[in-house]
Amino acid sequence: MKNKIILTLTFLFLINFSFSQIKKKDLKGVWKTKKDLFYKADTIKFYKKINSCHQIVWIIEKRKFKSFESSLCSEPTKNSVSVGIEKIKLKKKDYGQIIELYQNSILTDKFRIVELNKTSLKLMRFDKLSEQKLYKYVDSLIFKVLKYKPKLDTLSKNDSIKKITVPNKRHKTDDYIMRCPSTIIGNPEPLIIINGYSIKNKNILKELLLVETYFIKNFTKIEAVALGGSKAINGLIIIKTSENRFKKLLKKYGR
């Protein structure tokens, strides 16, 4: 069963991601995106052609690079060119390729290339202030998508209930209903697998960046049990992220 799971997960990773090397010539040309999306969105999609009054324009040529803000709806058209010498560097990481944007030899922005085709370029921006993004994203999958409920809503026919009385901070007592199932099945959170490891300590997610994560897939209860067995009775989430960063965090937090 274990080998079957490993083979299945490996297959899923292979069909959903490829570390194909993108060269600078592949980015050559003029790329445009809406100004408001460029500054406010984490994932930015550039197009060869875009109809927008205010836009960011990237011109990538063989030996140079420049970017500027353009206001097409004004008379005459206004262009605000970035000051200084601009360069881009392409770097390959263990989770994909990144673009580093330099101005006067100073790193001003960094992106991961998510998608590239003839008409569009999709980038995800690194954001140092949002290190919990992957944690929040996974939490959203657990509760909103897979609809996991920490407490069981219904009792089976063989379950019984007991009223228990416990003291509170006001030196009085509160009554609680305690479920007493005849067969203890449990209600575990959806199974989380990161880089092939099943993770119980979710603190590890708080230091993993979403931008360094190139594969996330969730499975419903029926699909999950077929892949992960009884541990995945409430769903399964598979994550593939930076192996280097993950190994360090695995030592820090454990599984």
Protein backbone atom coordinates (compact mmCIF):
# COMPACT_ATOMS: atom_id res chain seq x y z
CA MET A 1 0.00 0.00 0.00
CA LYS A 2 2.83 2.38 0.94
CA ASN A 3 4.64 1.76 -2.37
CA LYS A 4 1.41 2.35 -4.24
CA ILE A 5 0.96 5.73 -2.57
CA ILE A 6 4.57 6.78 -3.32
CA LEU A 7 4.23 5.77 -6.98
CA THR A 8 0.90 7.60 -7.31
CA LEU A 9 2.23 10.80 -5.75
CA THR A 10 5.40 10.69 -7.86
CA PHE A 11 3.28 10.35 -10.99
CA LEU A 12 1.15 13.32 -9.96
CA PHE A 13 4.23 15.50 -9.45
CA LEU A 14 5.71 14.53 -12.80
CA ILE A 15 2.58 15.29 -14.82
CA ASN A 16 1.95 18.62 -13.09
CA PHE A 17 5.38 20.23 -13.08
CA SER A 18 8.48 20.51 -15.21
CA PHE A 19 11.75 22.34 -14.48
CA SER A 20 12.21 23.35 -18.10
CA GLN A 21 14.90 26.03 -18.38
CA ILE A 22 13.64 29.41 -19.66
CA LYS A 23 16.25 31.57 -21.36
CA LYS A 24 16.34 35.35 -21.63
CA LYS A 25 15.58 35.16 -25.37
CA ASP A 26 12.26 33.46 -24.48
CA LEU A 27 11.24 36.64 -22.64
CA LYS A 28 12.34 38.98 -25.42
CA GLY A 29 9.85 41.65 -26.47
CA VAL A 30 7.37 44.06 -24.90
CA TRP A 31 5.20 42.84 -22.01
CA LYS A 32 2.41 44.86 -20.41
CA THR A 33 0.22 44.58 -17.33
CA LYS A 34 -2.27 46.81 -15.56
CA LYS A 35 -0.63 49.22 -13.14
CA ASP A 36 -2.97 48.49 -10.21
CA LEU A 37 -2.52 44.73 -10.59
CA PHE A 38 1.25 45.05 -10.75
CA TYR A 39 1.52 46.73 -7.36
CA LYS A 40 -1.37 45.07 -5.50
CA ALA A 41 -1.43 41.48 -6.74
CA ASP A 42 0.91 38.69 -5.70
CA THR A 43 0.51 36.91 -9.02
CA ILE A 44 0.96 39.18 -12.03
CA LYS A 45 0.14 38.29 -15.62
CA PHE A 46 1.89 40.21 -18.40
CA TYR A 47 0.52 40.28 -21.94
CA LYS A 48 1.95 41.17 -25.33
CA LYS A 49 -1.13 43.33 -25.92
CA ILE A 50 -3.30 44.94 -23.26
CA ASN A 51 -5.87 47.74 -23.41
CA SER A 52 -5.53 49.75 -20.22
CA CYS A 53 -5.18 53.45 -19.51
CA HIS A 54 -2.53 52.95 -16.86
CA GLN A 55 -0.07 50.15 -17.37
CA ILE A 56 3.41 48.91 -16.58
CA VAL A 57 5.52 48.18 -19.64
CA TRP A 58 8.53 45.83 -19.67
CA ILE A 59 10.80 45.94 -22.69
CA ILE A 60 13.25 43.06 -22.73
CA GLU A 61 15.85 43.17 -25.47
CA LYS A 62 18.91 41.05 -26.10
CA ARG A 63 21.36 43.13 -24.07
CA LYS A 64 19.21 45.52 -22.05
CA PHE A 65 16.00 45.86 -20.11
CA LYS A 66 13.78 48.80 -19.18
CA SER A 67 10.42 49.32 -17.56
CA PHE A 68 8.13 52.33 -17.39
CA GLU A 69 4.67 53.43 -16.37
CA SER A 70 2.41 54.52 -19.18
CA SER A 71 -0.81 56.56 -19.11
CA LEU A 72 -2.42 56.03 -22.52
CA CYS A 73 -5.64 57.90 -21.79
CA SER A 74 -4.01 61.27 -21.21
CA GLU A 75 -3.41 63.81 -23.97
CA PRO A 76 -0.61 63.54 -24.86
CA THR A 77 0.31 60.06 -23.67
CA LYS A 78 2.55 60.20 -20.61
CA ASN A 79 5.38 57.82 -19.89
CA SER A 80 7.21 57.75 -16.58
CA VAL A 81 10.50 55.97 -17.19
CA SER A 82 12.28 54.31 -14.27
CA VAL A 83 15.43 56.15 -13.24
CA GLY A 84 18.72 54.31 -13.45
CA ILE A 85 20.20 51.34 -15.20
CA GLU A 86 17.90 48.34 -15.09
CA LYS A 87 18.84 44.69 -15.44
CA ILE A 88 17.11 41.37 -15.00
CA LYS A 89 18.76 38.14 -13.96
CA LEU A 90 17.34 34.66 -14.48
CA LYS A 91 18.15 32.14 -11.76
CA LYS A 92 17.19 28.51 -11.36
CA LYS A 93 16.10 27.28 -7.94
CA ASP A 94 15.01 23.88 -6.74
CA TYR A 95 11.37 25.00 -7.02
CA GLY A 96 11.62 26.64 -10.47
CA GLN A 97 13.03 29.76 -12.09
CA ILE A 98 13.07 33.25 -10.67
CA ILE A 99 13.55 36.71 -12.17
CA GLU A 100 15.53 39.24 -10.18
CA LEU A 101 14.99 42.87 -11.10
CA TYR A 102 17.90 45.27 -10.44
CA GLN A 103 18.03 49.05 -10.56
CA ASN A 104 21.50 50.61 -10.37
CA SER A 105 22.84 47.23 -9.22
CA ILE A 106 20.34 47.10 -6.33
CA LEU A 107 17.81 44.26 -6.15
CA THR A 108 14.39 45.94 -6.21
CA ASP A 109 11.99 43.05 -6.93
CA LYS A 110 11.96 39.28 -7.27
CA PHE A 111 9.48 36.97 -8.98
CA ARG A 112 9.00 33.29 -9.71
CA ILE A 113 8.05 32.37 -13.27
CA VAL A 114 4.78 30.47 -13.06
CA GLU A 115 3.90 30.29 -16.74
CA LEU A 116 5.29 31.47 -20.06
CA ASN A 117 3.76 31.21 -23.53
CA LYS A 118 3.78 33.34 -26.67
CA THR A 119 1.20 35.85 -25.44
CA SER A 120 1.41 35.84 -21.65
CA LEU A 121 3.95 35.76 -18.84
CA LYS A 122 2.72 34.85 -15.36
CA LEU A 123 4.88 35.81 -12.38
CA MET A 124 4.45 35.45 -8.62
CA ARG A 125 6.09 38.12 -6.51
CA PHE A 126 8.14 37.34 -3.41
CA ASP A 127 6.76 39.12 -0.38
CA LYS A 128 8.94 39.16 2.74
CA LEU A 129 6.06 40.41 4.91
CA SER A 130 3.81 37.41 4.26
CA GLU A 131 5.70 34.35 5.43
CA GLN A 132 2.48 32.69 6.58
CA LYS A 133 0.88 32.69 3.15
CA LEU A 134 1.23 28.95 2.61
CA TYR A 135 -0.14 28.33 6.11
CA LYS A 136 -3.18 30.50 5.44
CA TYR A 137 -3.69 28.97 2.01
CA VAL A 138 -3.63 25.42 3.40
CA ASP A 139 -5.91 26.43 6.28
CA SER A 140 -8.39 27.74 3.71
CA LEU A 141 -8.23 24.42 1.84
CA ILE A 142 -8.82 22.46 5.05
CA PHE A 143 -11.86 24.35 6.28
CA LYS A 144 -13.40 25.99 3.20
CA VAL A 145 -12.65 23.57 0.37
CA LEU A 146 -12.51 20.20 2.12
CA LYS A 147 -15.06 21.45 4.69
CA TYR A 148 -13.39 19.82 7.64
CA LYS A 149 -15.19 20.30 10.95
CA PRO A 150 -13.11 19.79 14.11
CA LYS A 151 -16.18 18.63 16.06
CA LEU A 152 -18.46 15.84 14.92
CA ASP A 153 -21.92 17.22 14.14
CA THR A 154 -23.87 14.01 14.49
CA LEU A 155 -23.84 10.96 16.74
CA SER A 156 -24.11 7.45 15.36
CA LYS A 157 -27.01 5.24 16.51
CA ASN A 158 -24.77 3.44 18.97
CA ASP A 159 -23.31 6.59 20.49
CA SER A 160 -24.39 7.82 23.91
CA ILE A 161 -24.09 11.21 25.56
CA LYS A 162 -23.15 12.20 29.10
CA LYS A 163 -23.51 15.48 30.89
CA ILE A 164 -20.40 16.45 32.84
CA THR A 165 -19.95 19.29 35.31
CA VAL A 166 -16.62 21.13 35.49
CA PRO A 167 -15.45 24.15 37.50
CA ASN A 168 -14.85 27.46 35.77
CA LYS A 169 -12.70 30.52 36.49
CA ARG A 170 -15.54 32.18 38.44
CA HIS A 171 -15.49 29.38 41.05
CA LYS A 172 -18.79 28.10 39.69
CA THR A 173 -19.56 25.18 37.40
CA ASP A 174 -20.49 24.69 33.75
CA ASP A 175 -22.31 21.76 32.21
CA TYR A 176 -20.96 20.15 29.05
CA ILE A 177 -22.21 17.40 26.80
CA MET A 178 -19.59 14.68 26.24
CA ARG A 179 -19.91 12.30 23.32
CA CYS A 180 -19.23 8.69 24.08
CA PRO A 181 -19.02 6.72 20.84
CA SER A 182 -19.32 2.98 21.09
CA THR A 183 -16.49 2.66 18.56
CA ILE A 184 -13.81 5.36 18.61
CA ILE A 185 -13.06 6.29 15.00
CA GLY A 186 -11.60 9.74 15.49
CA ASN A 187 -11.91 12.86 13.38
CA PRO A 188 -8.40 13.76 12.14
CA GLU A 189 -7.63 16.82 10.06
CA PRO A 190 -7.08 16.24 6.33
CA LEU A 191 -3.76 14.54 5.69
CA ILE A 192 -1.02 16.95 4.57
CA ILE A 193 1.89 15.59 2.55
CA ILE A 194 4.82 17.92 1.81
CA ASN A 195 7.59 16.69 -0.49
CA GLY A 196 6.54 13.11 0.22
CA TYR A 197 6.36 13.47 4.04
CA SER A 198 3.09 13.37 5.97
CA ILE A 199 3.04 16.42 8.26
CA LYS A 200 1.33 16.65 11.64
CA ASN A 201 3.05 19.80 12.93
CA LYS A 202 1.45 22.62 10.92
CA ASN A 203 3.93 25.17 12.28
CA ILE A 204 6.23 24.08 9.48
CA LEU A 205 3.79 25.73 7.05
CA LYS A 206 4.19 29.12 8.71
CA GLU A 207 7.74 29.48 7.42
CA LEU A 208 7.19 28.10 3.92
CA LEU A 209 6.49 30.69 1.27
CA LEU A 210 3.68 30.21 -1.20
CA VAL A 211 5.92 31.65 -3.91
CA GLU A 212 8.39 28.80 -3.35
CA THR A 213 5.61 26.22 -3.65
CA TYR A 214 5.01 24.98 -7.16
CA PHE A 215 2.42 22.26 -6.66
CA ILE A 216 -0.67 22.12 -4.42
CA LYS A 217 -3.48 19.66 -4.99
CA ASN A 218 -6.36 18.69 -2.73
CA PHE A 219 -8.43 15.52 -2.84
CA THR A 220 -11.94 14.90 -1.52
CA LYS A 221 -12.65 12.20 1.06
CA ILE A 222 -13.32 9.40 -1.43
CA GLU A 223 -10.26 10.23 -3.57
CA ALA A 224 -8.10 10.76 -0.48
CA VAL A 225 -8.80 7.38 1.13
CA ALA A 226 -7.88 5.64 -2.13
CA LEU A 227 -4.48 7.39 -2.02
CA GLY A 228 -3.70 7.84 1.67
CA GLY A 229 -5.75 5.17 3.42
CA SER A 230 -7.62 5.66 6.70
CA LYS A 231 -5.39 8.59 7.72
CA ALA A 232 -6.95 10.60 4.90
CA ILE A 233 -10.61 10.00 5.79
CA ASN A 234 -11.23 13.77 5.88
CA GLY A 235 -9.29 14.65 2.73
CA LEU A 236 -5.75 14.92 1.44
CA ILE A 237 -3.55 17.89 0.49
CA ILE A 238 -0.34 17.30 -1.46
CA ILE A 239 2.29 20.05 -1.55
CA LYS A 240 5.57 20.26 -3.45
CA THR A 241 7.85 23.09 -2.34
CA SER A 242 11.52 24.06 -2.07
CA GLU A 243 13.38 20.95 -0.98
CA ASN A 244 16.24 22.94 0.56
CA ARG A 245 14.00 25.08 2.75
CA PHE A 246 11.77 22.17 3.65
CA LYS A 247 14.66 20.01 4.88
CA LYS A 248 15.84 22.78 7.22
CA LEU A 249 12.33 23.24 8.63
CA LEU A 250 11.88 19.49 9.01
CA LYS A 251 14.93 19.45 11.29
CA LYS A 252 13.55 22.42 13.23
CA TYR A 253 9.96 21.26 13.71
CA GLY A 254 9.93 17.55 12.88
CA ARG A 255 7.03 15.85 11.21
